[in-house]
Amino acid sequence: TRVVDTNTTADLFSWDGTSETRLTN
């Protein structure tokens, strides 16, 4: 998870060894 920009909430991401994908918005 990552807190994106100025948000106070964390979104979910996946990483496959090469690139990341944002899963929630």
mmCIF file of all heavy atoms, coordinates in Angstrom:
data_MODEL
# 
_entry.id   MODEL 
# 
loop_
_atom_site.group_PDB 
_atom_site.id 
_atom_site.type_symbol 
_atom_site.label_atom_id 
_atom_site.label_alt_id 
_atom_site.label_comp_id 
_atom_site.label_asym_id 
_atom_site.label_entity_id 
_atom_site.label_seq_id 
_atom_site.pdbx_PDB_ins_code 
_atom_site.Cartn_x 
_atom_site.Cartn_y 
_atom_site.Cartn_z 
_atom_site.occupancy 
_atom_site.B_iso_or_equiv 
_atom_site.pdbx_formal_charge 
_atom_site.auth_seq_id 
_atom_site.auth_comp_id 
_atom_site.auth_asym_id 
_atom_site.auth_atom_id 
_atom_site.pdbx_PDB_model_num 
ATOM 1   N N   . THR A 1 1  ? 0.840   -1.194 0.000   1.00 0.00 ? 1  THR A N   1 
ATOM 2   C CA  . THR A 1 1  ? 0.000   0.000  0.000   1.00 0.00 ? 1  THR A CA  1 
ATOM 3   C C   . THR A 1 1  ? 0.872   1.240  0.000   1.00 0.00 ? 1  THR A C   1 
ATOM 4   O O   . THR A 1 1  ? 2.029   1.217  0.433   1.00 0.00 ? 1  THR A O   1 
ATOM 5   C CB  . THR A 1 1  ? -0.948  0.031  1.215   1.00 0.00 ? 1  THR A CB  1 
ATOM 6   O OG1 . THR A 1 1  ? -0.181  -0.126 2.415   1.00 0.00 ? 1  THR A OG1 1 
ATOM 7   C CG2 . THR A 1 1  ? -1.977  -1.069 1.127   1.00 0.00 ? 1  THR A CG2 1 
ATOM 8   N N   . ARG A 1 2  ? 0.291   2.337  -0.501  1.00 0.00 ? 2  ARG A N   1 
ATOM 9   C CA  . ARG A 1 2  ? 1.005   3.613  -0.553  1.00 0.00 ? 2  ARG A CA  1 
ATOM 10  C C   . ARG A 1 2  ? 0.015   4.740  -0.304  1.00 0.00 ? 2  ARG A C   1 
ATOM 11  O O   . ARG A 1 2  ? -1.108  4.720  -0.820  1.00 0.00 ? 2  ARG A O   1 
ATOM 12  C CB  . ARG A 1 2  ? 1.675   3.810  -1.909  1.00 0.00 ? 2  ARG A CB  1 
ATOM 13  C CG  . ARG A 1 2  ? 2.390   5.174  -2.029  1.00 0.00 ? 2  ARG A CG  1 
ATOM 14  C CD  . ARG A 1 2  ? 2.856   5.446  -3.448  1.00 0.00 ? 2  ARG A CD  1 
ATOM 15  N NE  . ARG A 1 2  ? 3.819   4.459  -3.876  1.00 0.00 ? 2  ARG A NE  1 
ATOM 16  C CZ  . ARG A 1 2  ? 3.882   3.983  -5.119  1.00 0.00 ? 2  ARG A CZ  1 
ATOM 17  N NH1 . ARG A 1 2  ? 3.026   4.383  -6.032  1.00 0.00 ? 2  ARG A NH1 1 
ATOM 18  N NH2 . ARG A 1 2  ? 4.801   3.097  -5.427  1.00 0.00 ? 2  ARG A NH2 1 
ATOM 19  N N   . VAL A 1 3  ? 0.440   5.718  0.473   1.00 0.00 ? 3  VAL A N   1 
ATOM 20  C CA  . VAL A 1 3  ? -0.316  6.954  0.633   1.00 0.00 ? 3  VAL A CA  1 
ATOM 21  C C   . VAL A 1 3  ? 0.027   7.842  -0.561  1.00 0.00 ? 3  VAL A C   1 
ATOM 22  O O   . VAL A 1 3  ? 1.160   8.296  -0.703  1.00 0.00 ? 3  VAL A O   1 
ATOM 23  C CB  . VAL A 1 3  ? 0.016   7.651  1.959   1.00 0.00 ? 3  VAL A CB  1 
ATOM 24  C CG1 . VAL A 1 3  ? -0.746  8.963  2.076   1.00 0.00 ? 3  VAL A CG1 1 
ATOM 25  C CG2 . VAL A 1 3  ? -0.309  6.736  3.133   1.00 0.00 ? 3  VAL A CG2 1 
ATOM 26  N N   . VAL A 1 4  ? -0.934  8.053  -1.440  1.00 0.00 ? 4  VAL A N   1 
ATOM 27  C CA  . VAL A 1 4  ? -0.708  8.742  -2.705  1.00 0.00 ? 4  VAL A CA  1 
ATOM 28  C C   . VAL A 1 4  ? -0.901  10.253 -2.552  1.00 0.00 ? 4  VAL A C   1 
ATOM 29  O O   . VAL A 1 4  ? -1.900  10.700 -1.979  1.00 0.00 ? 4  VAL A O   1 
ATOM 30  C CB  . VAL A 1 4  ? -1.665  8.194  -3.787  1.00 0.00 ? 4  VAL A CB  1 
ATOM 31  C CG1 . VAL A 1 4  ? -1.449  8.917  -5.110  1.00 0.00 ? 4  VAL A CG1 1 
ATOM 32  C CG2 . VAL A 1 4  ? -1.462  6.701  -3.952  1.00 0.00 ? 4  VAL A CG2 1 
ATOM 33  N N   . ASP A 1 5  ? 0.064   10.986 -3.097  1.00 0.00 ? 5  ASP A N   1 
ATOM 34  C CA  . ASP A 1 5  ? 0.004   12.459 -3.115  1.00 0.00 ? 5  ASP A CA  1 
ATOM 35  C C   . ASP A 1 5  ? -0.268  13.011 -1.718  1.00 0.00 ? 5  ASP A C   1 
ATOM 36  O O   . ASP A 1 5  ? 0.439   12.680 -0.789  1.00 0.00 ? 5  ASP A O   1 
ATOM 37  C CB  . ASP A 1 5  ? -1.050  12.926 -4.122  1.00 0.00 ? 5  ASP A CB  1 
ATOM 38  C CG  . ASP A 1 5  ? -0.732  12.475 -5.536  1.00 0.00 ? 5  ASP A CG  1 
ATOM 39  O OD1 . ASP A 1 5  ? 0.467   12.370 -5.867  1.00 0.00 ? 5  ASP A OD1 1 
ATOM 40  O OD2 . ASP A 1 5  ? -1.667  12.203 -6.300  1.00 0.00 ? 5  ASP A OD2 1 
ATOM 41  N N   . THR A 1 6  ? -1.315  13.808 -1.593  1.00 0.00 ? 6  THR A N   1 
ATOM 42  C CA  . THR A 1 6  ? -1.616  14.451 -0.300  1.00 0.00 ? 6  THR A CA  1 
ATOM 43  C C   . THR A 1 6  ? -2.689  13.691 0.479   1.00 0.00 ? 6  THR A C   1 
ATOM 44  O O   . THR A 1 6  ? -3.188  14.188 1.487   1.00 0.00 ? 6  THR A O   1 
ATOM 45  C CB  . THR A 1 6  ? -2.080  15.899 -0.526  1.00 0.00 ? 6  THR A CB  1 
ATOM 46  O OG1 . THR A 1 6  ? -3.246  15.890 -1.372  1.00 0.00 ? 6  THR A OG1 1 
ATOM 47  C CG2 . THR A 1 6  ? -0.980  16.732 -1.171  1.00 0.00 ? 6  THR A CG2 1 
ATOM 48  N N   . ASN A 1 7  ? -3.038  12.497 0.013   1.00 0.00 ? 7  ASN A N   1 
ATOM 49  C CA  . ASN A 1 7  ? -4.065  11.720 0.712   1.00 0.00 ? 7  ASN A CA  1 
ATOM 50  C C   . ASN A 1 7  ? -3.584  11.284 2.093   1.00 0.00 ? 7  ASN A C   1 
ATOM 51  O O   . ASN A 1 7  ? -2.376  11.202 2.352   1.00 0.00 ? 7  ASN A O   1 
ATOM 52  C CB  . ASN A 1 7  ? -4.440  10.468 -0.097  1.00 0.00 ? 7  ASN A CB  1 
ATOM 53  C CG  . ASN A 1 7  ? -5.132  10.807 -1.396  1.00 0.00 ? 7  ASN A CG  1 
ATOM 54  O OD1 . ASN A 1 7  ? -5.583  11.930 -1.593  1.00 0.00 ? 7  ASN A OD1 1 
ATOM 55  N ND2 . ASN A 1 7  ? -5.210  9.834  -2.297  1.00 0.00 ? 7  ASN A ND2 1 
ATOM 56  N N   . THR A 1 8  ? -4.543  11.007 2.926   1.00 0.00 ? 8  THR A N   1 
ATOM 57  C CA  . THR A 1 8  ? -4.218  10.422 4.237   1.00 0.00 ? 8  THR A CA  1 
ATOM 58  C C   . THR A 1 8  ? -4.558  8.939  4.264   1.00 0.00 ? 8  THR A C   1 
ATOM 59  O O   . THR A 1 8  ? -4.302  8.261  5.261   1.00 0.00 ? 8  THR A O   1 
ATOM 60  C CB  . THR A 1 8  ? -5.000  11.140 5.350   1.00 0.00 ? 8  THR A CB  1 
ATOM 61  O OG1 . THR A 1 8  ? -6.401  11.050 5.070   1.00 0.00 ? 8  THR A OG1 1 
ATOM 62  C CG2 . THR A 1 8  ? -4.591  12.609 5.437   1.00 0.00 ? 8  THR A CG2 1 
ATOM 63  N N   . THR A 1 9  ? -5.146  8.440  3.195   1.00 0.00 ? 9  THR A N   1 
ATOM 64  C CA  . THR A 1 9  ? -5.485  7.022  3.083   1.00 0.00 ? 9  THR A CA  1 
ATOM 65  C C   . THR A 1 9  ? -4.494  6.324  2.161   1.00 0.00 ? 9  THR A C   1 
ATOM 66  O O   . THR A 1 9  ? -3.828  6.955  1.341   1.00 0.00 ? 9  THR A O   1 
ATOM 67  C CB  . THR A 1 9  ? -6.905  6.839  2.523   1.00 0.00 ? 9  THR A CB  1 
ATOM 68  O OG1 . THR A 1 9  ? -6.995  7.511  1.262   1.00 0.00 ? 9  THR A OG1 1 
ATOM 69  C CG2 . THR A 1 9  ? -7.943  7.412  3.480   1.00 0.00 ? 9  THR A CG2 1 
ATOM 70  N N   . ALA A 1 10 ? -4.403  5.011  2.291   1.00 0.00 ? 10 ALA A N   1 
ATOM 71  C CA  . ALA A 1 10 ? -3.432  4.225  1.518   1.00 0.00 ? 10 ALA A CA  1 
ATOM 72  C C   . ALA A 1 10 ? -4.147  3.388  0.466   1.00 0.00 ? 10 ALA A C   1 
ATOM 73  O O   . ALA A 1 10 ? -5.118  2.682  0.770   1.00 0.00 ? 10 ALA A O   1 
ATOM 74  C CB  . ALA A 1 10 ? -2.626  3.326  2.443   1.00 0.00 ? 10 ALA A CB  1 
ATOM 75  N N   . ASP A 1 11 ? -3.671  3.460  -0.780  1.00 0.00 ? 11 ASP A N   1 
ATOM 76  C CA  . ASP A 1 11 ? -4.195  2.621  -1.860  1.00 0.00 ? 11 ASP A CA  1 
ATOM 77  C C   . ASP A 1 11 ? -3.345  1.370  -2.027  1.00 0.00 ? 11 ASP A C   1 
ATOM 78  O O   . ASP A 1 11 ? -2.197  1.310  -1.582  1.00 0.00 ? 11 ASP A O   1 
ATOM 79  C CB  . ASP A 1 11 ? -4.247  3.416  -3.159  1.00 0.00 ? 11 ASP A CB  1 
ATOM 80  C CG  . ASP A 1 11 ? -5.434  4.370  -3.204  1.00 0.00 ? 11 ASP A CG  1 
ATOM 81  O OD1 . ASP A 1 11 ? -6.567  3.877  -3.247  1.00 0.00 ? 11 ASP A OD1 1 
ATOM 82  O OD2 . ASP A 1 11 ? -5.223  5.601  -3.171  1.00 0.00 ? 11 ASP A OD2 1 
ATOM 83  N N   . LEU A 1 12 ? -3.911  0.378  -2.708  1.00 0.00 ? 12 LEU A N   1 
ATOM 84  C CA  . LEU A 1 12 ? -3.274  -0.923 -2.862  1.00 0.00 ? 12 LEU A CA  1 
ATOM 85  C C   . LEU A 1 12 ? -2.609  -1.033 -4.232  1.00 0.00 ? 12 LEU A C   1 
ATOM 86  O O   . LEU A 1 12 ? -3.209  -0.677 -5.249  1.00 0.00 ? 12 LEU A O   1 
ATOM 87  C CB  . LEU A 1 12 ? -4.310  -2.034 -2.692  1.00 0.00 ? 12 LEU A CB  1 
ATOM 88  C CG  . LEU A 1 12 ? -3.806  -3.478 -2.709  1.00 0.00 ? 12 LEU A CG  1 
ATOM 89  C CD1 . LEU A 1 12 ? -2.879  -3.744 -1.530  1.00 0.00 ? 12 LEU A CD1 1 
ATOM 90  C CD2 . LEU A 1 12 ? -4.991  -4.443 -2.685  1.00 0.00 ? 12 LEU A CD2 1 
ATOM 91  N N   . PHE A 1 13 ? -1.380  -1.561 -4.241  1.00 0.00 ? 13 PHE A N   1 
ATOM 92  C CA  . PHE A 1 13 ? -0.606  -1.752 -5.466  1.00 0.00 ? 13 PHE A CA  1 
ATOM 93  C C   . PHE A 1 13 ? -0.085  -3.192 -5.513  1.00 0.00 ? 13 PHE A C   1 
ATOM 94  O O   . PHE A 1 13 ? 0.054   -3.846 -4.478  1.00 0.00 ? 13 PHE A O   1 
ATOM 95  C CB  . PHE A 1 13 ? 0.597   -0.795 -5.503  1.00 0.00 ? 13 PHE A CB  1 
ATOM 96  C CG  . PHE A 1 13 ? 0.225   0.652  -5.609  1.00 0.00 ? 13 PHE A CG  1 
ATOM 97  C CD1 . PHE A 1 13 ? -0.194  1.364  -4.494  1.00 0.00 ? 13 PHE A CD1 1 
ATOM 98  C CD2 . PHE A 1 13 ? 0.309   1.320  -6.823  1.00 0.00 ? 13 PHE A CD2 1 
ATOM 99  C CE1 . PHE A 1 13 ? -0.527  2.712  -4.582  1.00 0.00 ? 13 PHE A CE1 1 
ATOM 100 C CE2 . PHE A 1 13 ? -0.019  2.661  -6.924  1.00 0.00 ? 13 PHE A CE2 1 
ATOM 101 C CZ  . PHE A 1 13 ? -0.436  3.362  -5.800  1.00 0.00 ? 13 PHE A CZ  1 
ATOM 102 N N   . SER A 1 14 ? 0.236   -3.648 -6.721  1.00 0.00 ? 14 SER A N   1 
ATOM 103 C CA  . SER A 1 14 ? 0.919   -4.931 -6.885  1.00 0.00 ? 14 SER A CA  1 
ATOM 104 C C   . SER A 1 14 ? 2.203   -4.703 -7.667  1.00 0.00 ? 14 SER A C   1 
ATOM 105 O O   . SER A 1 14 ? 2.315   -3.758 -8.459  1.00 0.00 ? 14 SER A O   1 
ATOM 106 C CB  . SER A 1 14 ? 0.024   -5.944 -7.614  1.00 0.00 ? 14 SER A CB  1 
ATOM 107 O OG  . SER A 1 14 ? -0.177  -5.554 -8.966  1.00 0.00 ? 14 SER A OG  1 
ATOM 108 N N   . TRP A 1 15 ? 3.182   -5.593 -7.444  1.00 0.00 ? 15 TRP A N   1 
ATOM 109 C CA  . TRP A 1 15 ? 4.478   -5.528 -8.135  1.00 0.00 ? 15 TRP A CA  1 
ATOM 110 C C   . TRP A 1 15 ? 4.877   -6.929 -8.534  1.00 0.00 ? 15 TRP A C   1 
ATOM 111 O O   . TRP A 1 15 ? 4.864   -7.853 -7.706  1.00 0.00 ? 15 TRP A O   1 
ATOM 112 C CB  . TRP A 1 15 ? 5.529   -4.909 -7.210  1.00 0.00 ? 15 TRP A CB  1 
ATOM 113 C CG  . TRP A 1 15 ? 6.883   -4.694 -7.837  1.00 0.00 ? 15 TRP A CG  1 
ATOM 114 C CD1 . TRP A 1 15 ? 7.233   -3.749 -8.741  1.00 0.00 ? 15 TRP A CD1 1 
ATOM 115 C CD2 . TRP A 1 15 ? 8.075   -5.442 -7.556  1.00 0.00 ? 15 TRP A CD2 1 
ATOM 116 N NE1 . TRP A 1 15 ? 8.572   -3.843 -9.062  1.00 0.00 ? 15 TRP A NE1 1 
ATOM 117 C CE2 . TRP A 1 15 ? 9.110   -4.881 -8.348  1.00 0.00 ? 15 TRP A CE2 1 
ATOM 118 C CE3 . TRP A 1 15 ? 8.367   -6.523 -6.728  1.00 0.00 ? 15 TRP A CE3 1 
ATOM 119 C CZ2 . TRP A 1 15 ? 10.420  -5.371 -8.318  1.00 0.00 ? 15 TRP A CZ2 1 
ATOM 120 C CZ3 . TRP A 1 15 ? 9.662   -7.007 -6.700  1.00 0.00 ? 15 TRP A CZ3 1 
ATOM 121 C CH2 . TRP A 1 15 ? 10.684  -6.423 -7.491  1.00 0.00 ? 15 TRP A CH2 1 
ATOM 122 N N   . ASP A 1 16 ? 5.225   -7.124 -9.816  1.00 0.00 ? 16 ASP A N   1 
ATOM 123 C CA  . ASP A 1 16 ? 5.530   -8.452 -10.334 1.00 0.00 ? 16 ASP A CA  1 
ATOM 124 C C   . ASP A 1 16 ? 7.004   -8.687 -10.590 1.00 0.00 ? 16 ASP A C   1 
ATOM 125 O O   . ASP A 1 16 ? 7.386   -9.666 -11.231 1.00 0.00 ? 16 ASP A O   1 
ATOM 126 C CB  . ASP A 1 16 ? 4.748   -8.711 -11.625 1.00 0.00 ? 16 ASP A CB  1 
ATOM 127 C CG  . ASP A 1 16 ? 5.114   -7.732 -12.741 1.00 0.00 ? 16 ASP A CG  1 
ATOM 128 O OD1 . ASP A 1 16 ? 6.038   -6.911 -12.550 1.00 0.00 ? 16 ASP A OD1 1 
ATOM 129 O OD2 . ASP A 1 16 ? 4.471   -7.789 -13.812 1.00 0.00 ? 16 ASP A OD2 1 
ATOM 130 N N   . GLY A 1 17 ? 7.842   -7.817 -10.086 1.00 0.00 ? 17 GLY A N   1 
ATOM 131 C CA  . GLY A 1 17 ? 9.276   -7.926 -10.295 1.00 0.00 ? 17 GLY A CA  1 
ATOM 132 C C   . GLY A 1 17 ? 9.792   -6.958 -11.331 1.00 0.00 ? 17 GLY A C   1 
ATOM 133 O O   . GLY A 1 17 ? 10.996  -6.703 -11.420 1.00 0.00 ? 17 GLY A O   1 
ATOM 134 N N   . THR A 1 18 ? 8.880   -6.391 -12.104 1.00 0.00 ? 18 THR A N   1 
ATOM 135 C CA  . THR A 1 18 ? 9.264   -5.438 -13.146 1.00 0.00 ? 18 THR A CA  1 
ATOM 136 C C   . THR A 1 18 ? 8.506   -4.125 -13.018 1.00 0.00 ? 18 THR A C   1 
ATOM 137 O O   . THR A 1 18 ? 9.093   -3.052 -13.043 1.00 0.00 ? 18 THR A O   1 
ATOM 138 C CB  . THR A 1 18 ? 9.008   -6.031 -14.543 1.00 0.00 ? 18 THR A CB  1 
ATOM 139 O OG1 . THR A 1 18 ? 9.720   -7.263 -14.671 1.00 0.00 ? 18 THR A OG1 1 
ATOM 140 C CG2 . THR A 1 18 ? 9.457   -5.070 -15.630 1.00 0.00 ? 18 THR A CG2 1 
ATOM 141 N N   . SER A 1 19 ? 7.204   -4.220 -12.894 1.00 0.00 ? 19 SER A N   1 
ATOM 142 C CA  . SER A 1 19 ? 6.384   -3.006 -12.868 1.00 0.00 ? 19 SER A CA  1 
ATOM 143 C C   . SER A 1 19 ? 5.317   -3.108 -11.791 1.00 0.00 ? 19 SER A C   1 
ATOM 144 O O   . SER A 1 19 ? 4.950   -4.201 -11.349 1.00 0.00 ? 19 SER A O   1 
ATOM 145 C CB  . SER A 1 19 ? 5.726   -2.788 -14.238 1.00 0.00 ? 19 SER A CB  1 
ATOM 146 O OG  . SER A 1 19 ? 4.920   -3.905 -14.577 1.00 0.00 ? 19 SER A OG  1 
ATOM 147 N N   . GLU A 1 20 ? 4.807   -1.944 -11.386 1.00 0.00 ? 20 GLU A N   1 
ATOM 148 C CA  . GLU A 1 20 ? 3.754   -1.905 -10.383 1.00 0.00 ? 20 GLU A CA  1 
ATOM 149 C C   . GLU A 1 20 ? 2.420   -1.577 -11.054 1.00 0.00 ? 20 GLU A C   1 
ATOM 150 O O   . GLU A 1 20 ? 2.363   -0.947 -12.111 1.00 0.00 ? 20 GLU A O   1 
ATOM 151 C CB  . GLU A 1 20 ? 4.052   -0.873 -9.300  1.00 0.00 ? 20 GLU A CB  1 
ATOM 152 C CG  . GLU A 1 20 ? 3.955   0.573  -9.760  1.00 0.00 ? 20 GLU A CG  1 
ATOM 153 C CD  . GLU A 1 20 ? 4.155   1.562  -8.617  1.00 0.00 ? 20 GLU A CD  1 
ATOM 154 O OE1 . GLU A 1 20 ? 5.071   1.347  -7.793  1.00 0.00 ? 20 GLU A OE1 1 
ATOM 155 O OE2 . GLU A 1 20 ? 3.406   2.552  -8.565  1.00 0.00 ? 20 GLU A OE2 1 
ATOM 156 N N   . THR A 1 21 ? 1.337   -2.018 -10.417 1.00 0.00 ? 21 THR A N   1 
ATOM 157 C CA  . THR A 1 21 ? -0.013  -1.747 -10.898 1.00 0.00 ? 21 THR A CA  1 
ATOM 158 C C   . THR A 1 21 ? -0.846  -1.245 -9.731  1.00 0.00 ? 21 THR A C   1 
ATOM 159 O O   . THR A 1 21 ? -0.861  -1.864 -8.670  1.00 0.00 ? 21 THR A O   1 
ATOM 160 C CB  . THR A 1 21 ? -0.663  -3.013 -11.476 1.00 0.00 ? 21 THR A CB  1 
ATOM 161 O OG1 . THR A 1 21 ? 0.137   -3.516 -12.543 1.00 0.00 ? 21 THR A OG1 1 
ATOM 162 C CG2 . THR A 1 21 ? -2.063  -2.718 -11.994 1.00 0.00 ? 21 THR A CG2 1 
ATOM 163 N N   . ARG A 1 22 ? -1.529  -0.135 -9.956  1.00 0.00 ? 22 ARG A N   1 
ATOM 164 C CA  . ARG A 1 22 ? -2.402  0.394  -8.909  1.00 0.00 ? 22 ARG A CA  1 
ATOM 165 C C   . ARG A 1 22 ? -3.727  -0.357 -8.965  1.00 0.00 ? 22 ARG A C   1 
ATOM 166 O O   . ARG A 1 22 ? -4.379  -0.426 -10.014 1.00 0.00 ? 22 ARG A O   1 
ATOM 167 C CB  . ARG A 1 22 ? -2.632  1.891  -9.104  1.00 0.00 ? 22 ARG A CB  1 
ATOM 168 C CG  . ARG A 1 22 ? -3.456  2.537  -7.989  1.00 0.00 ? 22 ARG A CG  1 
ATOM 169 C CD  . ARG A 1 22 ? -3.487  4.053  -8.124  1.00 0.00 ? 22 ARG A CD  1 
ATOM 170 N NE  . ARG A 1 22 ? -4.278  4.676  -7.079  1.00 0.00 ? 22 ARG A NE  1 
ATOM 171 C CZ  . ARG A 1 22 ? -4.364  5.985  -6.889  1.00 0.00 ? 22 ARG A CZ  1 
ATOM 172 N NH1 . ARG A 1 22 ? -3.691  6.814  -7.692  1.00 0.00 ? 22 ARG A NH1 1 
ATOM 173 N NH2 . ARG A 1 22 ? -5.107  6.476  -5.918  1.00 0.00 ? 22 ARG A NH2 1 
ATOM 174 N N   . LEU A 1 23 ? -4.163  -0.914 -7.850  1.00 0.00 ? 23 LEU A N   1 
ATOM 175 C CA  . LEU A 1 23 ? -5.343  -1.756 -7.812  1.00 0.00 ? 23 LEU A CA  1 
ATOM 176 C C   . LEU A 1 23 ? -6.574  -1.055 -7.270  1.00 0.00 ? 23 LEU A C   1 
ATOM 177 O O   . LEU A 1 23 ? -7.697  -1.518 -7.499  1.00 0.00 ? 23 LEU A O   1 
ATOM 178 C CB  . LEU A 1 23 ? -5.064  -3.008 -6.968  1.00 0.00 ? 23 LEU A CB  1 
ATOM 179 C CG  . LEU A 1 23 ? -3.875  -3.869 -7.404  1.00 0.00 ? 23 LEU A CG  1 
ATOM 180 C CD1 . LEU A 1 23 ? -3.694  -5.039 -6.450  1.00 0.00 ? 23 LEU A CD1 1 
ATOM 181 C CD2 . LEU A 1 23 ? -4.057  -4.358 -8.821  1.00 0.00 ? 23 LEU A CD2 1 
ATOM 182 N N   . THR A 1 24 ? -6.404  0.026  -6.513  1.00 0.00 ? 24 THR A N   1 
ATOM 183 C CA  . THR A 1 24 ? -7.552  0.716  -5.924  1.00 0.00 ? 24 THR A CA  1 
ATOM 184 C C   . THR A 1 24 ? -7.473  2.205  -6.227  1.00 0.00 ? 24 THR A C   1 
ATOM 185 O O   . THR A 1 24 ? -6.410  2.760  -6.482  1.00 0.00 ? 24 THR A O   1 
ATOM 186 C CB  . THR A 1 24 ? -7.614  0.519  -4.402  1.00 0.00 ? 24 THR A CB  1 
ATOM 187 O OG1 . THR A 1 24 ? -6.414  1.078  -3.811  1.00 0.00 ? 24 THR A OG1 1 
ATOM 188 C CG2 . THR A 1 24 ? -7.702  -0.958 -4.042  1.00 0.00 ? 24 THR A CG2 1 
ATOM 189 N N   . ASN A 1 25 ? -8.642  2.832  -6.203  1.00 0.00 ? 25 ASN A N   1 
ATOM 190 C CA  . ASN A 1 25 ? -8.725  4.269  -6.474  1.00 0.00 ? 25 ASN A CA  1 
ATOM 191 C C   . ASN A 1 25 ? -9.927  4.813  -5.733  1.00 0.00 ? 25 ASN A C   1 
ATOM 192 O O   . ASN A 1 25 ? -10.509 4.126  -4.892  1.00 0.00 ? 25 ASN A O   1 
ATOM 193 C CB  . ASN A 1 25 ? -8.819  4.521  -7.982  1.00 0.00 ? 25 ASN A CB  1 
ATOM 194 C CG  . ASN A 1 25 ? -8.082  5.785  -8.402  1.00 0.00 ? 25 ASN A CG  1 
ATOM 195 O OD1 . ASN A 1 25 ? -8.209  6.821  -7.768  1.00 0.00 ? 25 ASN A OD1 1 
ATOM 196 N ND2 . ASN A 1 25 ? -7.314  5.671  -9.476  1.00 0.00 ? 25 ASN A ND2 1 
# 
